[in-house]
Amino acid sequence: MKKTKYPEIYENEQKLYTKNLVPGTVLFGESLLKLDGTEYRHFDPTRSKLAASIMKKIRLSGVGQGDVMLYLGASHGYTVSFLSDIVGQKGLVFAVDAAYKVFRSLYHVSNIRHNVVPLYADAAKPEAYARNICAVDVVYQDIAQKEQGEIFDANYTLYAKEGGIGILVVKARNIDVAGQPQKIVDGVKKWLISKGYAVIDTKSLEPYQHDHALILVTKGEIKHPPRTNTVSIGVPQKNSKQ
């Protein structure tokens, strides 16, 4: 097992792992690997856009140990559970979703991982959960709505600390079902810049996530500079198995 340049992300045989914050527990059927007394969880890029962006060598993951996060569109909590590993006991993940069926799974994750706070709420109305969260280091959005950019900006403006990181998953087909994905992503980037964001990096998430891209932004100094002397993660070909 080797450290990568991304905080709390490890690599073994071209697969990503995090240290299991709650050893012995499996939440989503993920494989566990125990080495030298430490248990690691496989972080699958076909199930998480964040993992896909790391496999595509994004400049920064945007999140590290001790961070407080706001996750919009948490769904069942797959990526949330790995962010729980990454931020650790001193960090916190506020996980927002308005779909009751998936929220039950998310609530189960929070019962096992006490640094996850589930919020049954509409991310398009960020003022509604103002009493339930604090200022955050990172705003992560993975929402399948046409107004993805506007929802992200409203939440970042209300809750991000000075110099906070923004991680925006762009679901091109939800913005324009007939448009060219790259042009849609470029349009979102241009809009973010017009709102005062600095774009740190952008990655298409192919072949792991079709018609998706991840945009990393900030309105201040970058929080997590790349580390040195760490392993470089390769990108397997489309036909290779994860």
C-alpha atoms as a PDB file:
ATOM      1  CA  MET A   1       0.000   0.000   0.000  1.00  0.00           C
ATOM      2  CA  LYS A   2       1.403   3.400  -0.997  1.00  0.00           C
ATOM      3  CA  LYS A   3       0.408   6.958  -0.187  1.00  0.00           C
ATOM      4  CA  THR A   4      -0.710   9.112  -3.093  1.00  0.00           C
ATOM      5  CA  LYS A   5      -0.362  12.887  -3.346  1.00  0.00           C
ATOM      6  CA  TYR A   6      -4.014  13.133  -2.277  1.00  0.00           C
ATOM      7  CA  PRO A   7      -4.498  13.337   1.518  1.00  0.00           C
ATOM      8  CA  GLU A   8      -5.632  10.046   3.076  1.00  0.00           C
ATOM      9  CA  ILE A   9      -5.895   8.309  -0.322  1.00  0.00           C
ATOM     10  CA  TYR A  10      -3.799   5.194  -0.902  1.00  0.00           C
ATOM     11  CA  GLU A  11      -2.959   3.074  -3.935  1.00  0.00           C
ATOM     12  CA  ASN A  12      -2.403  -0.627  -4.367  1.00  0.00           C
ATOM     13  CA  GLU A  13      -2.229  -2.378  -7.746  1.00  0.00           C
ATOM     14  CA  GLN A  14      -3.814   0.612  -9.528  1.00  0.00           C
ATOM     15  CA  LYS A  15      -6.774   0.694  -7.140  1.00  0.00           C
ATOM     16  CA  LEU A  16      -7.674   3.436  -4.671  1.00  0.00           C
ATOM     17  CA  TYR A  17      -8.162   2.865  -0.948  1.00  0.00           C
ATOM     18  CA  THR A  18      -8.907   4.777   2.236  1.00  0.00           C
ATOM     19  CA  LYS A  19      -8.207   3.701   5.807  1.00  0.00           C
ATOM     20  CA  ASN A  20     -11.405   2.312   7.268  1.00  0.00           C
ATOM     21  CA  LEU A  21     -12.518   4.657  10.040  1.00  0.00           C
ATOM     22  CA  VAL A  22     -14.711   1.878  11.443  1.00  0.00           C
ATOM     23  CA  PRO A  23     -12.679  -1.329  10.974  1.00  0.00           C
ATOM     24  CA  GLY A  24     -14.642  -4.451  10.197  1.00  0.00           C
ATOM     25  CA  THR A  25     -17.649  -2.639   8.729  1.00  0.00           C
ATOM     26  CA  VAL A  26     -18.708  -2.908   5.080  1.00  0.00           C
ATOM     27  CA  LEU A  27     -21.445  -0.531   3.967  1.00  0.00           C
ATOM     28  CA  PHE A  28     -21.725  -0.937   0.190  1.00  0.00           C
ATOM     29  CA  GLY A  29     -20.193  -4.307  -0.561  1.00  0.00           C
ATOM     30  CA  GLU A  30     -16.748  -2.766  -0.955  1.00  0.00           C
ATOM     31  CA  SER A  31     -13.726  -5.030  -0.593  1.00  0.00           C
ATOM     32  CA  LEU A  32     -11.505  -4.666   2.458  1.00  0.00           C
ATOM     33  CA  LEU A  33      -7.744  -5.109   2.496  1.00  0.00           C
ATOM     34  CA  LYS A  34      -5.801  -5.522   5.731  1.00  0.00           C
ATOM     35  CA  LEU A  35      -2.075  -4.795   5.674  1.00  0.00           C
ATOM     36  CA  ASP A  36       0.295  -4.399   8.641  1.00  0.00           C
ATOM     37  CA  GLY A  37      -2.617  -4.148  11.049  1.00  0.00           C
ATOM     38  CA  THR A  38      -4.453  -1.428   9.089  1.00  0.00           C
ATOM     39  CA  GLU A  39      -7.729  -2.019   7.253  1.00  0.00           C
ATOM     40  CA  TYR A  40      -8.334  -0.287   3.929  1.00  0.00           C
ATOM     41  CA  ARG A  41     -11.528   0.092   1.856  1.00  0.00           C
ATOM     42  CA  HIS A  42     -11.560  -0.035  -1.946  1.00  0.00           C
ATOM     43  CA  PHE A  43     -12.721   3.335  -3.351  1.00  0.00           C
ATOM     44  CA  ASP A  44     -14.320   2.479  -6.699  1.00  0.00           C
ATOM     45  CA  PRO A  45     -14.136   5.174  -9.444  1.00  0.00           C
ATOM     46  CA  THR A  46     -17.137   3.675 -11.229  1.00  0.00           C
ATOM     47  CA  ARG A  47     -19.238   4.412  -8.137  1.00  0.00           C
ATOM     48  CA  SER A  48     -17.790   7.762  -7.046  1.00  0.00           C
ATOM     49  CA  LYS A  49     -17.073  10.861  -9.119  1.00  0.00           C
ATOM     50  CA  LEU A  50     -14.423  11.960  -6.638  1.00  0.00           C
ATOM     51  CA  ALA A  51     -12.590   8.648  -7.015  1.00  0.00           C
ATOM     52  CA  ALA A  52     -12.921   8.944 -10.803  1.00  0.00           C
ATOM     53  CA  SER A  53     -11.353  12.426 -10.749  1.00  0.00           C
ATOM     54  CA  ILE A  54      -8.432  11.091  -8.701  1.00  0.00           C
ATOM     55  CA  MET A  55      -7.894   8.273 -11.187  1.00  0.00           C
ATOM     56  CA  LYS A  56      -7.843  10.969 -13.882  1.00  0.00           C
ATOM     57  CA  LYS A  57      -5.081  12.745 -11.924  1.00  0.00           C
ATOM     58  CA  ILE A  58      -6.935  15.890 -10.916  1.00  0.00           C
ATOM     59  CA  ARG A  59      -4.592  18.480  -9.433  1.00  0.00           C
ATOM     60  CA  LEU A  60      -6.083  18.247  -5.917  1.00  0.00           C
ATOM     61  CA  SER A  61      -8.693  16.103  -4.239  1.00  0.00           C
ATOM     62  CA  GLY A  62      -9.832  19.227  -2.405  1.00  0.00           C
ATOM     63  CA  VAL A  63     -10.349  17.514   0.942  1.00  0.00           C
ATOM     64  CA  GLY A  64      -8.110  16.344   3.772  1.00  0.00           C
ATOM     65  CA  GLN A  65      -8.003  15.233   7.376  1.00  0.00           C
ATOM     66  CA  GLY A  66      -9.894  17.469   9.792  1.00  0.00           C
ATOM     67  CA  ASP A  67     -11.957  19.223   7.118  1.00  0.00           C
ATOM     68  CA  VAL A  68     -15.593  20.136   7.623  1.00  0.00           C
ATOM     69  CA  MET A  69     -17.629  19.470   4.474  1.00  0.00           C
ATOM     70  CA  LEU A  70     -21.037  20.178   3.036  1.00  0.00           C
ATOM     71  CA  TYR A  71     -22.039  17.440   0.575  1.00  0.00           C
ATOM     72  CA  LEU A  72     -25.026  18.238  -1.642  1.00  0.00           C
ATOM     73  CA  GLY A  73     -26.763  15.290  -3.276  1.00  0.00           C
ATOM     74  CA  ALA A  74     -25.402  12.669  -0.890  1.00  0.00           C
ATOM     75  CA  SER A  75     -27.729   9.895  -2.162  1.00  0.00           C
ATOM     76  CA  HIS A  76     -27.118   6.536  -0.426  1.00  0.00           C
ATOM     77  CA  GLY A  77     -23.853   7.821   1.031  1.00  0.00           C
ATOM     78  CA  TYR A  78     -21.232   5.854  -0.909  1.00  0.00           C
ATOM     79  CA  THR A  79     -18.827   8.754  -1.512  1.00  0.00           C
ATOM     80  CA  VAL A  80     -19.843  10.285   1.828  1.00  0.00           C
ATOM     81  CA  SER A  81     -18.590   7.166   3.617  1.00  0.00           C
ATOM     82  CA  PHE A  82     -15.153   7.513   2.007  1.00  0.00           C
ATOM     83  CA  LEU A  83     -15.046  11.214   2.787  1.00  0.00           C
ATOM     84  CA  SER A  84     -15.754  10.162   6.365  1.00  0.00           C
ATOM     85  CA  ASP A  85     -12.554   8.096   6.203  1.00  0.00           C
ATOM     86  CA  ILE A  86     -10.617  11.005   4.706  1.00  0.00           C
ATOM     87  CA  VAL A  87     -11.673  13.786   7.104  1.00  0.00           C
ATOM     88  CA  GLY A  88     -11.290  11.447  10.078  1.00  0.00           C
ATOM     89  CA  GLN A  89     -12.449  11.792  13.658  1.00  0.00           C
ATOM     90  CA  LYS A  90     -11.639  15.510  13.759  1.00  0.00           C
ATOM     91  CA  GLY A  91     -13.555  16.248  10.561  1.00  0.00           C
ATOM     92  CA  LEU A  92     -17.248  16.370   9.746  1.00  0.00           C
ATOM     93  CA  VAL A  93     -19.429  15.718   6.697  1.00  0.00           C
ATOM     94  CA  PHE A  94     -22.840  17.396   6.484  1.00  0.00           C
ATOM     95  CA  ALA A  95     -24.692  15.243   3.942  1.00  0.00           C
ATOM     96  CA  VAL A  96     -27.780  16.723   2.261  1.00  0.00           C
ATOM     97  CA  ASP A  97     -30.416  14.849   0.258  1.00  0.00           C
ATOM     98  CA  ALA A  98     -34.138  15.325  -0.301  1.00  0.00           C
ATOM     99  CA  ALA A  99     -35.021  11.836  -1.567  1.00  0.00           C
ATOM    100  CA  TYR A 100     -36.524   9.800   1.267  1.00  0.00           C
ATOM    101  CA  LYS A 101     -35.689   6.370  -0.177  1.00  0.00           C
ATOM    102  CA  VAL A 102     -31.960   7.083  -0.343  1.00  0.00           C
ATOM    103  CA  PHE A 103     -31.961   9.140   2.843  1.00  0.00           C
ATOM    104  CA  ARG A 104     -32.744   6.028   4.868  1.00  0.00           C
ATOM    105  CA  SER A 105     -29.482   4.497   3.630  1.00  0.00           C
ATOM    106  CA  LEU A 106     -27.649   7.749   4.340  1.00  0.00           C
ATOM    107  CA  TYR A 107     -29.042   7.780   7.871  1.00  0.00           C
ATOM    108  CA  HIS A 108     -27.740   4.234   8.346  1.00  0.00           C
ATOM    109  CA  VAL A 109     -24.261   5.424   7.303  1.00  0.00           C
ATOM    110  CA  SER A 110     -24.416   8.186   9.919  1.00  0.00           C
ATOM    111  CA  ASN A 111     -25.358   5.693  12.649  1.00  0.00           C
ATOM    112  CA  ILE A 112     -22.113   3.827  11.981  1.00  0.00           C
ATOM    113  CA  ARG A 113     -19.942   6.840  11.163  1.00  0.00           C
ATOM    114  CA  HIS A 114     -20.412   9.541  13.742  1.00  0.00           C
ATOM    115  CA  ASN A 115     -18.611  12.228  11.720  1.00  0.00           C
ATOM    116  CA  VAL A 116     -21.472  12.148   9.178  1.00  0.00           C
ATOM    117  CA  VAL A 117     -24.474  14.404   9.826  1.00  0.00           C
ATOM    118  CA  PRO A 118     -27.429  13.602   7.512  1.00  0.00           C
ATOM    119  CA  LEU A 119     -29.745  16.456   6.560  1.00  0.00           C
ATOM    120  CA  TYR A 120     -33.080  15.670   4.931  1.00  0.00           C
ATOM    121  CA  ALA A 121     -33.375  18.875   2.931  1.00  0.00           C
ATOM    122  CA  ASP A 122     -33.528  20.472  -0.518  1.00  0.00           C
ATOM    123  CA  ALA A 123     -30.103  21.785  -1.547  1.00  0.00           C
ATOM    124  CA  ALA A 124     -31.847  24.392  -3.713  1.00  0.00           C
ATOM    125  CA  LYS A 125     -33.051  26.019  -0.474  1.00  0.00           C
ATOM    126  CA  PRO A 126     -29.836  26.313   1.546  1.00  0.00           C
ATOM    127  CA  GLU A 127     -31.284  28.748   4.059  1.00  0.00           C
ATOM    128  CA  ALA A 128     -33.592  25.978   5.298  1.00  0.00           C
ATOM    129  CA  TYR A 129     -30.754  24.086   7.028  1.00  0.00           C
ATOM    130  CA  ALA A 130     -28.769  27.097   8.255  1.00  0.00           C
ATOM    131  CA  ARG A 131     -29.459  26.217  11.909  1.00  0.00           C
ATOM    132  CA  ASN A 132     -28.135  22.694  11.467  1.00  0.00           C
ATOM    133  CA  ILE A 133     -24.650  23.307  10.070  1.00  0.00           C
ATOM    134  CA  CYS A 134     -21.591  25.504  10.557  1.00  0.00           C
ATOM    135  CA  ALA A 135     -19.106  27.160   8.189  1.00  0.00           C
ATOM    136  CA  VAL A 136     -17.336  24.541   6.057  1.00  0.00           C
ATOM    137  CA  ASP A 137     -13.945  24.063   4.412  1.00  0.00           C
ATOM    138  CA  VAL A 138     -15.349  22.254   1.376  1.00  0.00           C
ATOM    139  CA  VAL A 139     -18.618  22.361  -0.571  1.00  0.00           C
ATOM    140  CA  TYR A 140     -19.144  19.259  -2.715  1.00  0.00           C
ATOM    141  CA  GLN A 141     -22.062  19.065  -5.113  1.00  0.00           C
ATOM    142  CA  ASP A 142     -23.350  16.050  -7.034  1.00  0.00           C
ATOM    143  CA  ILE A 143     -26.895  17.008  -7.974  1.00  0.00           C
ATOM    144  CA  ALA A 144     -28.834  15.946 -11.071  1.00  0.00           C
ATOM    145  CA  GLN A 145     -30.620  19.238 -11.730  1.00  0.00           C
ATOM    146  CA  LYS A 146     -30.413  21.748 -14.550  1.00  0.00           C
ATOM    147  CA  GLU A 147     -29.545  24.591 -12.131  1.00  0.00           C
ATOM    148  CA  GLN A 148     -26.473  22.774 -10.783  1.00  0.00           C
ATOM    149  CA  GLY A 149     -24.248  25.848 -10.890  1.00  0.00           C
ATOM    150  CA  GLU A 150     -26.734  28.131  -9.198  1.00  0.00           C
ATOM    151  CA  ILE A 151     -27.395  25.648  -6.388  1.00  0.00           C
ATOM    152  CA  PHE A 152     -23.674  25.184  -5.810  1.00  0.00           C
ATOM    153  CA  ASP A 153     -23.036  28.945  -5.750  1.00  0.00           C
ATOM    154  CA  ALA A 154     -25.877  29.607  -3.290  1.00  0.00           C
ATOM    155  CA  ASN A 155     -24.528  27.017  -0.859  1.00  0.00           C
ATOM    156  CA  TYR A 156     -20.891  28.048  -1.249  1.00  0.00           C
ATOM    157  CA  THR A 157     -21.796  31.701  -0.687  1.00  0.00           C
ATOM    158  CA  LEU A 158     -23.689  30.903   2.508  1.00  0.00           C
ATOM    159  CA  TYR A 159     -21.451  28.287   4.085  1.00  0.00           C
ATOM    160  CA  ALA A 160     -17.905  28.178   2.699  1.00  0.00           C
ATOM    161  CA  LYS A 161     -15.091  29.612   4.771  1.00  0.00           C
ATOM    162  CA  GLU A 162     -12.755  32.195   3.278  1.00  0.00           C
ATOM    163  CA  GLY A 163     -10.613  30.350   0.747  1.00  0.00           C
ATOM    164  CA  GLY A 164     -12.842  27.270   0.877  1.00  0.00           C
ATOM    165  CA  ILE A 165     -12.709  24.602  -1.804  1.00  0.00           C
ATOM    166  CA  GLY A 166     -15.634  23.936  -4.125  1.00  0.00           C
ATOM    167  CA  ILE A 167     -16.059  20.590  -5.876  1.00  0.00           C
ATOM    168  CA  LEU A 168     -18.756  20.662  -8.536  1.00  0.00           C
ATOM    169  CA  VAL A 169     -19.770  17.531 -10.431  1.00  0.00           C
ATOM    170  CA  VAL A 170     -21.219  18.608 -13.777  1.00  0.00           C
ATOM    171  CA  LYS A 171     -23.862  16.219 -15.102  1.00  0.00           C
ATOM    172  CA  ALA A 172     -24.029  17.438 -18.676  1.00  0.00           C
ATOM    173  CA  ARG A 173     -27.203  15.588 -19.694  1.00  0.00           C
ATOM    174  CA  ASN A 174     -29.142  17.108 -16.815  1.00  0.00           C
ATOM    175  CA  ILE A 175     -28.238  20.590 -18.028  1.00  0.00           C
ATOM    176  CA  ASP A 176     -28.864  20.000 -21.732  1.00  0.00           C
ATOM    177  CA  VAL A 177     -29.849  16.529 -22.921  1.00  0.00           C
ATOM    178  CA  ALA A 178     -28.956  17.315 -26.555  1.00  0.00           C
ATOM    179  CA  GLY A 179     -25.853  19.440 -26.012  1.00  0.00           C
ATOM    180  CA  GLN A 180     -22.212  18.458 -26.438  1.00  0.00           C
ATOM    181  CA  PRO A 181     -20.886  17.568 -22.962  1.00  0.00           C
ATOM    182  CA  GLN A 182     -17.577  19.416 -23.340  1.00  0.00           C
ATOM    183  CA  LYS A 183     -19.319  22.615 -24.432  1.00  0.00           C
ATOM    184  CA  ILE A 184     -21.686  22.326 -21.465  1.00  0.00           C
ATOM    185  CA  VAL A 185     -18.757  21.920 -19.057  1.00  0.00           C
ATOM    186  CA  ASP A 186     -16.958  24.881 -20.648  1.00  0.00           C
ATOM    187  CA  GLY A 187     -20.116  26.944 -20.210  1.00  0.00           C
ATOM    188  CA  VAL A 188     -20.318  26.057 -16.507  1.00  0.00           C
ATOM    189  CA  LYS A 189     -16.654  26.989 -16.041  1.00  0.00           C
ATOM    190  CA  LYS A 190     -17.205  30.341 -17.761  1.00  0.00           C
ATOM    191  CA  TRP A 191     -20.207  31.002 -15.521  1.00  0.00           C
ATOM    192  CA  LEU A 192     -18.240  30.118 -12.374  1.00  0.00           C
ATOM    193  CA  ILE A 193     -15.454  32.495 -13.374  1.00  0.00           C
ATOM    194  CA  SER A 194     -18.037  35.240 -13.931  1.00  0.00           C
ATOM    195  CA  LYS A 195     -19.174  34.671 -10.325  1.00  0.00           C
ATOM    196  CA  GLY A 196     -15.658  35.224  -9.004  1.00  0.00           C
ATOM    197  CA  TYR A 197     -14.411  31.635  -8.689  1.00  0.00           C
ATOM    198  CA  ALA A 198     -10.900  30.594  -9.636  1.00  0.00           C
ATOM    199  CA  VAL A 199     -10.879  27.259 -11.452  1.00  0.00           C
ATOM    200  CA  ILE A 200      -8.140  25.030 -10.034  1.00  0.00           C
ATOM    201  CA  ASP A 201      -8.674  22.093 -12.376  1.00  0.00           C
ATOM    202  CA  THR A 202     -11.284  20.317 -14.495  1.00  0.00           C
ATOM    203  CA  LYS A 203     -11.430  16.649 -15.418  1.00  0.00           C
ATOM    204  CA  SER A 204     -13.714  14.660 -17.663  1.00  0.00           C
ATOM    205  CA  LEU A 205     -14.667  11.525 -15.740  1.00  0.00           C
ATOM    206  CA  GLU A 206     -14.651   9.210 -18.761  1.00  0.00           C
ATOM    207  CA  PRO A 207     -14.448   6.219 -18.878  1.00  0.00           C
ATOM    208  CA  TYR A 208     -15.619   5.821 -15.283  1.00  0.00           C
ATOM    209  CA  GLN A 209     -18.627   8.172 -15.406  1.00  0.00           C
ATOM    210  CA  HIS A 210     -20.134   8.988 -18.802  1.00  0.00           C
ATOM    211  CA  ASP A 211     -20.984  12.613 -19.699  1.00  0.00           C
ATOM    212  CA  HIS A 212     -19.705  13.822 -16.330  1.00  0.00           C
ATOM    213  CA  ALA A 213     -16.922  16.195 -15.373  1.00  0.00           C
ATOM    214  CA  LEU A 214     -15.589  17.478 -12.071  1.00  0.00           C
ATOM    215  CA  ILE A 215     -14.631  21.122 -11.611  1.00  0.00           C
ATOM    216  CA  LEU A 216     -12.474  22.172  -8.654  1.00  0.00           C
ATOM    217  CA  VAL A 217     -12.725  25.836  -7.653  1.00  0.00           C
ATOM    218  CA  THR A 218     -11.943  28.276  -4.861  1.00  0.00           C
ATOM    219  CA  LYS A 219     -12.339  31.910  -3.916  1.00  0.00           C
ATOM    220  CA  GLY A 220      -8.997  32.197  -2.214  1.00  0.00           C
ATOM    221  CA  GLU A 221      -5.724  30.406  -1.548  1.00  0.00           C
ATOM    222  CA  ILE A 222      -5.685  26.676  -2.355  1.00  0.00           C
ATOM    223  CA  LYS A 223      -6.071  24.653   0.839  1.00  0.00           C
ATOM    224  CA  HIS A 224      -4.294  21.423  -0.079  1.00  0.00           C
ATOM    225  CA  PRO A 225      -1.147  21.887  -2.205  1.00  0.00           C
ATOM    226  CA  PRO A 226       0.081  18.767  -4.010  1.00  0.00           C
ATOM    227  CA  ARG A 227       2.517  16.616  -2.039  1.00  0.00           C
ATOM    228  CA  THR A 228       5.820  15.386  -3.411  1.00  0.00           C
ATOM    229  CA  ASN A 229       7.561  11.991  -3.471  1.00  0.00           C
ATOM    230  CA  THR A 230       4.310  10.064  -3.732  1.00  0.00           C
ATOM    231  CA  VAL A 231       3.071   7.402  -6.077  1.00  0.00           C
ATOM    232  CA  SER A 232       1.473   8.427  -9.362  1.00  0.00           C
ATOM    233  CA  ILE A 233      -1.802   6.727 -10.162  1.00  0.00           C
ATOM    234  CA  GLY A 234      -2.157   5.469 -13.700  1.00  0.00           C
ATOM    235  CA  VAL A 235      -5.339   5.542 -15.776  1.00  0.00           C
ATOM    236  CA  PRO A 236      -6.288   2.090 -17.052  1.00  0.00           C
ATOM    237  CA  GLN A 237      -7.617   1.596 -20.546  1.00  0.00           C
ATOM    238  CA  LYS A 238     -11.360   1.346 -21.078  1.00  0.00           C
ATOM    239  CA  ASN A 239     -11.226  -2.418 -21.443  1.00  0.00           C
ATOM    240  CA  SER A 240      -9.315  -3.000 -18.209  1.00  0.00           C
ATOM    241  CA  LYS A 241     -11.165  -4.269 -15.148  1.00  0.00           C
ATOM    242  CA  GLN A 242     -11.328  -2.356 -11.879  1.00  0.00           C
END
